[in-house]
Amino acid sequence: MGIEVLAGTHYHEQVAASTTWVITHNLNTTEPVVDCWIGGVKTTPQTVTATSALICTITFATAQSGEAALT
């Protein structure tokens, strides 16, 4: 899609469609701001859970592939 990634942002590309995206972002926060795009369209996931200060789990109702940016 070509999103612009700013300093302090972790970019994730989910190639294989899945209902659960587990992202190791290493941002040292349990409250990351998460933006997701499916097919180039900004999408709201079903849930976003900070598993730890370094890992975030994003879930969707149906399997999706796409991109996420975490800050």
C-alpha atoms as a PDB file:
ATOM      1  CA  MET A   1       0.000   0.000   0.000  1.00  0.00           C
ATOM      2  CA  GLY A   2       2.897   2.323   0.602  1.00  0.00           C
ATOM      3  CA  ILE A   3       2.003   3.919   3.952  1.00  0.00           C
ATOM      4  CA  GLU A   4       4.511   6.413   5.328  1.00  0.00           C
ATOM      5  CA  VAL A   5       6.173   5.110   8.486  1.00  0.00           C
ATOM      6  CA  LEU A   6       7.358   7.758  10.932  1.00  0.00           C
ATOM      7  CA  ALA A   7      10.135   7.417  13.501  1.00  0.00           C
ATOM      8  CA  GLY A   8       8.821   5.636  16.602  1.00  0.00           C
ATOM      9  CA  THR A   9       6.320   3.667  14.513  1.00  0.00           C
ATOM     10  CA  HIS A  10       6.333  -0.079  13.945  1.00  0.00           C
ATOM     11  CA  TYR A  11       5.071  -1.255  10.561  1.00  0.00           C
ATOM     12  CA  HIS A  12       3.594  -4.769  10.228  1.00  0.00           C
ATOM     13  CA  GLU A  13       2.587  -6.578   7.053  1.00  0.00           C
ATOM     14  CA  GLN A  14       0.319  -9.594   7.538  1.00  0.00           C
ATOM     15  CA  VAL A  15       0.813 -11.628   4.357  1.00  0.00           C
ATOM     16  CA  ALA A  16      -1.086 -14.791   5.339  1.00  0.00           C
ATOM     17  CA  ALA A  17      -4.760 -14.156   6.090  1.00  0.00           C
ATOM     18  CA  SER A  18      -5.518 -14.777   9.763  1.00  0.00           C
ATOM     19  CA  THR A  19      -8.140 -13.796  12.337  1.00  0.00           C
ATOM     20  CA  THR A  20      -5.323 -13.090  14.829  1.00  0.00           C
ATOM     21  CA  TRP A  21      -2.272 -10.931  14.155  1.00  0.00           C
ATOM     22  CA  VAL A  22       0.409 -11.178  16.861  1.00  0.00           C
ATOM     23  CA  ILE A  23       2.805  -8.258  16.434  1.00  0.00           C
ATOM     24  CA  THR A  24       6.105  -7.797  18.241  1.00  0.00           C
ATOM     25  CA  HIS A  25       6.494  -4.014  18.072  1.00  0.00           C
ATOM     26  CA  ASN A  26       9.174  -3.295  20.714  1.00  0.00           C
ATOM     27  CA  LEU A  27       7.641   0.137  21.435  1.00  0.00           C
ATOM     28  CA  ASN A  28       7.769  -0.403  25.222  1.00  0.00           C
ATOM     29  CA  THR A  29       4.113   0.544  25.757  1.00  0.00           C
ATOM     30  CA  THR A  30       0.965  -1.335  26.742  1.00  0.00           C
ATOM     31  CA  GLU A  31      -1.177   1.303  25.005  1.00  0.00           C
ATOM     32  CA  PRO A  32      -0.024   1.482  21.381  1.00  0.00           C
ATOM     33  CA  VAL A  33      -2.082   3.402  18.855  1.00  0.00           C
ATOM     34  CA  VAL A  34      -2.986   0.868  16.144  1.00  0.00           C
ATOM     35  CA  ASP A  35      -4.061   1.667  12.579  1.00  0.00           C
ATOM     36  CA  CYS A  36      -4.953  -1.210  10.224  1.00  0.00           C
ATOM     37  CA  TRP A  37      -5.498  -1.344   6.466  1.00  0.00           C
ATOM     38  CA  ILE A  38      -7.143  -4.205   4.590  1.00  0.00           C
ATOM     39  CA  GLY A  39      -6.907  -3.939   0.823  1.00  0.00           C
ATOM     40  CA  GLY A  40      -5.797  -0.317   1.157  1.00  0.00           C
ATOM     41  CA  VAL A  41      -8.870   0.632   3.228  1.00  0.00           C
ATOM     42  CA  LYS A  42      -8.419   1.774   6.839  1.00  0.00           C
ATOM     43  CA  THR A  43     -10.192  -0.836   8.968  1.00  0.00           C
ATOM     44  CA  THR A  44     -11.101  -1.154  12.643  1.00  0.00           C
ATOM     45  CA  PRO A  45     -10.160  -4.548  14.099  1.00  0.00           C
ATOM     46  CA  GLN A  46     -12.533  -6.442  16.375  1.00  0.00           C
ATOM     47  CA  THR A  47     -10.112  -6.196  19.329  1.00  0.00           C
ATOM     48  CA  VAL A  48      -6.635  -4.895  20.125  1.00  0.00           C
ATOM     49  CA  THR A  49      -4.920  -6.370  23.182  1.00  0.00           C
ATOM     50  CA  ALA A  50      -1.543  -5.342  24.550  1.00  0.00           C
ATOM     51  CA  THR A  51      -0.089  -8.733  25.449  1.00  0.00           C
ATOM     52  CA  SER A  52       2.948  -6.990  26.960  1.00  0.00           C
ATOM     53  CA  ALA A  53       4.861  -3.724  26.528  1.00  0.00           C
ATOM     54  CA  LEU A  54       6.456  -5.283  23.432  1.00  0.00           C
ATOM     55  CA  ILE A  55       3.678  -7.394  21.885  1.00  0.00           C
ATOM     56  CA  CYS A  56       0.178  -6.562  20.630  1.00  0.00           C
ATOM     57  CA  THR A  57      -2.535  -8.967  19.436  1.00  0.00           C
ATOM     58  CA  ILE A  58      -5.085  -7.757  16.891  1.00  0.00           C
ATOM     59  CA  THR A  59      -8.170  -9.840  16.098  1.00  0.00           C
ATOM     60  CA  PHE A  60     -10.686  -9.729  13.262  1.00  0.00           C
ATOM     61  CA  ALA A  61     -14.038 -11.522  12.874  1.00  0.00           C
ATOM     62  CA  THR A  62     -12.810 -13.145   9.636  1.00  0.00           C
ATOM     63  CA  ALA A  63      -9.324 -13.984   8.401  1.00  0.00           C
ATOM     64  CA  GLN A  64      -7.607 -10.909   6.965  1.00  0.00           C
ATOM     65  CA  SER A  65      -4.284  -9.994   5.410  1.00  0.00           C
ATOM     66  CA  GLY A  66      -3.105  -6.398   5.315  1.00  0.00           C
ATOM     67  CA  GLU A  67      -0.975  -3.846   7.119  1.00  0.00           C
ATOM     68  CA  ALA A  68      -0.794  -2.248  10.539  1.00  0.00           C
ATOM     69  CA  ALA A  69       1.111   0.716  11.946  1.00  0.00           C
ATOM     70  CA  LEU A  70       1.647   0.942  15.702  1.00  0.00           C
ATOM     71  CA  THR A  71       2.873   4.034  17.557  1.00  0.00           C
END
